[in-house]
N, C-alpha and C. Protein backbone atom coordinates (compact mmCIF):
# COMPACT_ATOMS: atom_id res chain seq x y z
N MET A 1 0.76 -1.43 0.04
CA MET A 1 -0.04 -0.08 0.00
C MET A 1 0.88 1.31 -0.02
N ALA A 2 1.75 1.15 0.68
CA ALA A 2 2.94 2.25 0.70
C ALA A 2 3.49 2.89 -0.75
N TYR A 3 3.83 2.00 -1.54
CA TYR A 3 3.95 2.05 -2.84
C TYR A 3 3.05 2.77 -3.63
N ILE A 4 1.79 2.05 -3.47
CA ILE A 4 0.76 2.85 -4.07
C ILE A 4 0.44 4.13 -3.78
N SER A 5 0.24 4.30 -2.54
CA SER A 5 0.53 5.69 -2.04
C SER A 5 1.46 6.93 -2.61
N LEU A 6 2.61 6.44 -2.87
CA LEU A 6 3.90 7.27 -3.62
C LEU A 6 3.46 7.43 -4.85
N ILE A 7 2.71 6.38 -5.57
CA ILE A 7 2.67 6.64 -6.89
C ILE A 7 1.34 7.84 -6.98
N LEU A 8 0.40 7.47 -6.03
CA LEU A 8 -0.99 8.64 -6.12
C LEU A 8 -0.46 9.79 -5.79
N MET A 9 0.48 9.82 -4.74
CA MET A 9 0.92 11.29 -4.31
C MET A 9 1.54 11.78 -5.72
N SER A 10 2.37 11.11 -6.37
CA SER A 10 3.27 11.67 -7.56
C SER A 10 2.39 12.17 -8.64
N VAL A 11 1.23 11.39 -9.00
CA VAL A 11 -0.04 11.69 -9.96
C VAL A 11 -0.46 13.07 -9.48
N LEU A 12 -1.06 13.05 -8.22
CA LEU A 12 -1.99 14.22 -7.58
C LEU A 12 -1.03 15.42 -7.58
N VAL A 13 0.27 15.36 -7.30
CA VAL A 13 1.06 16.60 -7.13
C VAL A 13 1.40 17.15 -8.54
N SER A 14 1.62 16.33 -9.36
CA SER A 14 1.80 16.49 -10.75
C SER A 14 0.44 17.12 -11.48
N PHE A 15 -0.66 16.48 -11.27
CA PHE A 15 -1.92 17.02 -11.59
C PHE A 15 -1.83 18.60 -11.03
N GLY A 16 -1.52 18.64 -9.86
CA GLY A 16 -1.63 20.10 -9.17
C GLY A 16 -0.74 21.06 -10.07
N GLN A 17 0.25 20.85 -10.35
CA GLN A 17 1.28 21.34 -10.94
C GLN A 17 0.84 22.04 -12.34
N ILE A 18 0.29 20.87 -13.08
CA ILE A 18 -0.17 21.18 -14.57
C ILE A 18 -1.46 21.99 -14.62
N LEU A 19 -2.21 21.86 -13.49
CA LEU A 19 -3.43 22.60 -13.27
C LEU A 19 -3.02 24.21 -13.16
N LEU A 20 -1.89 24.14 -11.95
CA LEU A 20 -1.53 25.45 -11.67
C LEU A 20 -1.13 26.21 -12.81
N LYS A 21 -0.53 25.54 -13.62
CA LYS A 21 0.20 26.36 -14.73
C LYS A 21 -0.84 26.77 -15.69
N SER A 22 -1.64 25.70 -16.09
CA SER A 22 -2.86 26.08 -16.90
C SER A 22 -3.83 27.40 -16.44
N ILE A 23 -4.00 27.51 -15.14
CA ILE A 23 -4.67 28.64 -14.85
C ILE A 23 -3.78 29.92 -14.35
N SER A 24 -2.60 29.58 -14.39
CA SER A 24 -1.44 30.70 -14.00
C SER A 24 -1.93 32.33 -14.57
N GLN A 25 -2.57 32.04 -15.92
CA GLN A 25 -2.58 33.63 -16.56
C GLN A 25 -3.77 34.14 -15.82
N GLU A 26 -4.96 33.40 -15.30
CA GLU A 26 -5.97 34.10 -14.95
C GLU A 26 -5.50 34.47 -13.23
N LEU A 27 -4.65 34.19 -12.75
CA LEU A 27 -4.32 34.41 -11.25
C LEU A 27 -3.82 35.84 -11.21
N ASP A 28 -4.17 36.50 -10.19
CA ASP A 28 -4.12 37.94 -9.98
C ASP A 28 -3.45 38.16 -8.72
N PHE A 29 -2.20 38.70 -8.65
CA PHE A 29 -1.33 38.79 -7.43
C PHE A 29 -0.73 40.40 -7.24
N SER A 30 -1.83 41.25 -7.73
CA SER A 30 -1.19 42.97 -7.83
C SER A 30 -1.58 43.22 -6.56
N SER A 31 -2.53 42.94 -5.79
CA SER A 31 -2.80 43.45 -4.45
C SER A 31 -3.06 42.51 -3.50
N ILE A 32 -3.13 42.89 -2.43
CA ILE A 32 -3.63 41.91 -1.07
C ILE A 32 -4.94 41.61 -1.28
N LYS A 33 -5.73 42.18 -1.76
CA LYS A 33 -7.24 41.96 -2.03
C LYS A 33 -7.21 40.89 -3.06
N ALA A 34 -6.71 41.16 -4.42
CA ALA A 34 -6.48 40.31 -5.38
C ALA A 34 -5.85 38.84 -5.20
N ILE A 35 -4.62 38.67 -4.20
CA ILE A 35 -4.36 37.55 -3.76
C ILE A 35 -5.40 36.93 -2.99
N PHE A 36 -6.19 37.56 -2.20
CA PHE A 36 -7.33 36.87 -1.18
C PHE A 36 -8.37 36.23 -2.21
N ASN A 37 -8.80 37.10 -3.33
CA ASN A 37 -9.63 36.56 -4.11
C ASN A 37 -9.30 35.57 -5.22
N THR A 38 -8.00 35.30 -5.14
CA THR A 38 -7.12 34.38 -6.04
C THR A 38 -7.32 33.02 -5.32
N LEU A 39 -6.94 33.44 -3.91
CA LEU A 39 -7.34 32.01 -3.19
C LEU A 39 -8.73 31.36 -3.08
N LYS A 40 -9.86 32.23 -3.34
CA LYS A 40 -11.15 31.78 -3.29
C LYS A 40 -11.59 31.02 -4.42
N LYS A 41 -10.59 31.16 -5.66
CA LYS A 41 -10.97 30.54 -7.05
C LYS A 41 -11.25 29.19 -6.75
N PRO A 42 -12.08 28.43 -7.66
CA PRO A 42 -12.24 27.03 -7.17
C PRO A 42 -11.01 26.31 -7.76
N SER A 43 -10.75 26.65 -9.14
CA SER A 43 -9.54 26.13 -9.67
C SER A 43 -8.01 26.15 -8.78
N PHE A 44 -7.87 27.27 -7.92
CA PHE A 44 -7.00 27.29 -7.33
C PHE A 44 -7.16 26.36 -5.88
N ILE A 45 -8.33 26.41 -5.47
CA ILE A 45 -8.67 25.50 -4.30
C ILE A 45 -8.58 24.09 -4.76
N LEU A 46 -8.78 23.47 -5.75
CA LEU A 46 -8.52 22.26 -6.30
C LEU A 46 -6.80 22.08 -6.56
N VAL A 47 -6.06 22.91 -7.00
CA VAL A 47 -4.66 22.86 -6.77
C VAL A 47 -4.21 22.59 -5.31
N ILE A 48 -4.82 23.26 -4.41
CA ILE A 48 -4.38 23.20 -3.02
C ILE A 48 -4.62 21.84 -2.47
N THR A 49 -5.79 21.51 -2.88
CA THR A 49 -6.64 20.20 -2.21
C THR A 49 -5.82 19.00 -2.85
N VAL A 50 -5.62 19.05 -4.08
CA VAL A 50 -4.53 17.72 -4.60
C VAL A 50 -3.41 17.61 -4.06
N THR A 51 -2.61 19.04 -4.04
CA THR A 51 -1.37 18.96 -3.23
C THR A 51 -1.41 18.28 -1.88
N ILE A 52 -2.26 18.94 -1.03
CA ILE A 52 -2.46 18.41 0.19
C ILE A 52 -2.55 17.06 0.52
N ILE A 53 -3.66 16.58 -0.51
CA ILE A 53 -3.97 14.96 -0.20
C ILE A 53 -2.66 14.33 -0.72
N GLY A 54 -1.97 14.77 -1.63
CA GLY A 54 -0.61 14.34 -2.18
C GLY A 54 0.14 14.15 -0.78
N ILE A 55 0.57 15.30 -0.21
CA ILE A 55 1.60 15.26 1.11
C ILE A 55 1.07 14.37 1.95
N LEU A 56 -0.32 14.14 2.06
CA LEU A 56 -0.93 13.09 3.49
C LEU A 56 -0.38 11.93 2.89
N LEU A 57 -0.59 11.48 1.41
CA LEU A 57 0.06 10.06 1.23
C LEU A 57 1.26 9.86 0.95
N TYR A 58 2.02 11.00 0.88
CA TYR A 58 3.46 10.72 1.31
C TYR A 58 3.95 10.65 2.59
N THR A 59 3.09 11.26 3.41
CA THR A 59 3.32 11.21 5.00
C THR A 59 2.96 9.75 5.28
N TYR A 60 1.92 9.34 4.77
CA TYR A 60 1.47 7.67 5.00
C TYR A 60 2.80 6.85 4.63
N ALA A 61 3.15 6.95 3.49
CA ALA A 61 4.35 6.24 2.93
C ALA A 61 5.33 6.24 3.79
N LEU A 62 5.75 7.47 4.36
CA LEU A 62 7.00 7.37 5.33
C LEU A 62 6.82 6.67 6.48
N THR A 63 5.61 6.35 6.94
CA THR A 63 5.30 5.63 8.08
C THR A 63 5.93 4.03 7.76
N GLN A 64 5.83 3.85 6.72
CA GLN A 64 5.80 2.40 6.02
C GLN A 64 7.06 2.15 5.44
N LEU A 65 7.89 3.03 4.90
CA LEU A 65 8.89 2.81 3.95
C LEU A 65 10.13 4.00 4.48
N PRO A 66 11.62 3.16 4.50
CA PRO A 66 12.75 4.15 4.69
C PRO A 66 12.69 5.50 3.98
N LEU A 67 13.15 6.47 4.48
CA LEU A 67 12.97 7.84 3.56
C LEU A 67 13.78 7.66 2.33
N GLY A 68 14.98 7.19 2.18
CA GLY A 68 15.69 7.09 1.02
C GLY A 68 14.84 6.39 -0.07
N ILE A 69 13.90 5.54 0.18
CA ILE A 69 13.02 4.79 -0.67
C ILE A 69 12.08 5.89 -1.30
N ALA A 70 11.14 6.20 -0.04
CA ALA A 70 10.12 7.10 -0.28
C ALA A 70 10.34 8.52 -1.01
N PHE A 71 11.39 8.99 -0.86
CA PHE A 71 12.10 10.32 -1.20
C PHE A 71 12.21 10.06 -2.75
N SER A 72 12.96 8.82 -3.14
CA SER A 72 13.19 8.55 -4.34
C SER A 72 11.95 8.88 -5.40
N PHE A 73 10.80 8.30 -4.87
CA PHE A 73 9.36 8.48 -5.44
C PHE A 73 9.04 9.68 -5.87
N ASN A 74 9.66 10.82 -5.22
CA ASN A 74 9.28 12.27 -5.79
C ASN A 74 9.70 12.39 -7.15
N SER A 75 10.49 12.03 -7.51
CA SER A 75 11.24 11.94 -8.62
C SER A 75 10.13 11.58 -9.93
N LEU A 76 9.15 10.77 -9.35
CA LEU A 76 8.13 10.37 -10.52
C LEU A 76 7.13 11.53 -10.51
N SER A 77 7.04 12.54 -9.93
CA SER A 77 6.40 13.65 -10.06
C SER A 77 6.98 14.41 -11.25
N ASN A 78 8.38 14.77 -11.32
CA ASN A 78 8.79 15.10 -12.51
C ASN A 78 8.63 14.55 -13.80
N LEU A 79 8.57 13.29 -13.92
CA LEU A 79 8.19 12.37 -14.77
C LEU A 79 6.71 12.67 -15.46
N PHE A 80 6.03 12.54 -14.50
CA PHE A 80 4.65 12.69 -14.79
C PHE A 80 4.04 14.29 -15.23
N VAL A 81 4.77 15.20 -14.46
CA VAL A 81 4.76 16.75 -15.10
C VAL A 81 5.31 17.02 -16.51
N VAL A 82 6.44 16.23 -16.75
CA VAL A 82 6.90 16.67 -18.07
C VAL A 82 5.91 15.62 -19.27
N ILE A 83 5.65 14.55 -18.73
CA ILE A 83 4.47 14.01 -19.78
C ILE A 83 3.26 14.59 -19.80
N GLY A 84 2.87 14.94 -18.53
CA GLY A 84 1.53 15.75 -18.52
C GLY A 84 1.37 17.09 -19.37
N SER A 85 2.56 17.90 -19.15
CA SER A 85 2.72 19.12 -19.95
C SER A 85 2.82 19.12 -21.41
N TYR A 86 3.58 17.78 -21.70
CA TYR A 86 3.40 17.51 -23.28
C TYR A 86 2.16 17.51 -23.81
N PHE A 87 1.12 16.53 -23.06
CA PHE A 87 -0.13 16.19 -23.54
C PHE A 87 -1.20 17.21 -23.23
N PHE A 88 -1.33 17.89 -22.12
CA PHE A 88 -2.36 18.60 -21.80
C PHE A 88 -1.90 20.35 -22.07
N LEU A 89 -0.55 20.65 -22.01
CA LEU A 89 -0.35 21.92 -22.11
C LEU A 89 0.13 22.22 -23.53
N LYS A 90 0.65 21.08 -24.24
CA LYS A 90 1.13 21.15 -25.55
C LYS A 90 2.71 21.73 -25.53
N GLU A 91 3.24 21.33 -24.36
CA GLU A 91 4.79 21.97 -24.49
C GLU A 91 5.73 20.92 -24.95
N LYS A 92 6.91 21.40 -25.66
CA LYS A 92 7.49 20.46 -26.45
C LYS A 92 8.40 19.37 -25.63
N LEU A 93 9.16 18.26 -25.88
CA LEU A 93 9.84 17.63 -25.29
C LEU A 93 11.29 17.42 -25.97
N ASN A 94 12.18 17.88 -25.39
CA ASN A 94 13.54 17.63 -26.26
C ASN A 94 14.14 16.52 -25.65
N LYS A 95 15.28 16.13 -26.56
CA LYS A 95 16.21 14.86 -26.58
C LYS A 95 16.66 14.97 -24.59
N LYS A 96 17.31 15.99 -24.17
CA LYS A 96 17.60 16.11 -22.81
C LYS A 96 16.75 15.84 -22.02
N GLN A 97 15.61 16.03 -22.04
CA GLN A 97 14.10 15.66 -21.30
C GLN A 97 14.00 14.03 -21.18
N LEU A 98 14.29 13.76 -22.21
CA LEU A 98 13.68 12.18 -22.25
C LEU A 98 14.84 11.40 -21.95
N ILE A 99 16.32 11.86 -22.21
CA ILE A 99 17.16 11.25 -21.46
C ILE A 99 17.04 11.39 -20.02
N GLY A 100 16.52 12.56 -19.33
CA GLY A 100 16.34 12.67 -17.98
C GLY A 100 15.22 11.83 -17.42
N LEU A 101 14.18 11.38 -18.26
CA LEU A 101 13.19 10.83 -17.78
C LEU A 101 13.36 9.29 -17.53
N THR A 102 14.04 8.99 -18.92
CA THR A 102 14.67 7.60 -18.55
C THR A 102 15.34 7.53 -17.40
N LEU A 103 16.39 8.22 -16.92
CA LEU A 103 17.30 8.35 -15.71
C LEU A 103 16.55 7.99 -14.65
N ILE A 104 15.45 8.82 -14.71
CA ILE A 104 14.59 8.91 -13.46
C ILE A 104 13.94 7.36 -13.11
N ILE A 105 13.27 7.22 -14.45
CA ILE A 105 12.82 5.66 -14.18
C ILE A 105 14.11 4.60 -13.70
N LEU A 106 15.06 4.58 -14.44
CA LEU A 106 15.86 3.74 -13.94
C LEU A 106 16.54 3.90 -12.47
N GLY A 107 16.42 5.28 -11.95
CA GLY A 107 17.00 5.37 -10.76
C GLY A 107 15.87 4.97 -9.65
N ILE A 108 14.67 5.33 -9.86
CA ILE A 108 13.66 4.43 -8.98
C ILE A 108 13.70 3.09 -9.04
N ILE A 109 14.02 2.33 -9.91
CA ILE A 109 14.08 1.14 -10.07
C ILE A 109 14.92 0.53 -9.36
N THR A 110 16.20 1.31 -9.48
CA THR A 110 17.38 0.80 -8.86
C THR A 110 17.16 1.00 -7.43
N MET A 111 16.42 2.13 -6.81
CA MET A 111 16.58 2.39 -5.48
C MET A 111 15.35 1.27 -4.86
N THR A 112 14.44 1.03 -5.54
CA THR A 112 13.49 0.06 -4.93
C THR A 112 13.88 -1.55 -4.90
N LEU A 113 14.98 -1.69 -5.70
CA LEU A 113 15.33 -3.15 -5.61
C LEU A 113 15.97 -3.92 -4.29
């Protein structure tokens, strides 16, 4: 169950980052009042909610696994963000990113063996 919670954490945190990027143009930080209005937006609340759930899942995993293994799964978030931004935000992938993603996968596999 701990590994599943780590994967879910990575998916949720990645989803939150992709959503935050997609709504970032509509967020207003020009004044204190605007910041408080931003905090009330449903899309921003969703970003915060999925991030908090991800943190709770990670905290659960920390009770079940050594920190070195649990922390290595944070790299999955990088993988999911790059892939998600390619599909949902239409951002481009370059050769360096593909090599980096491959190394992340190999690193996680190595850490969990």
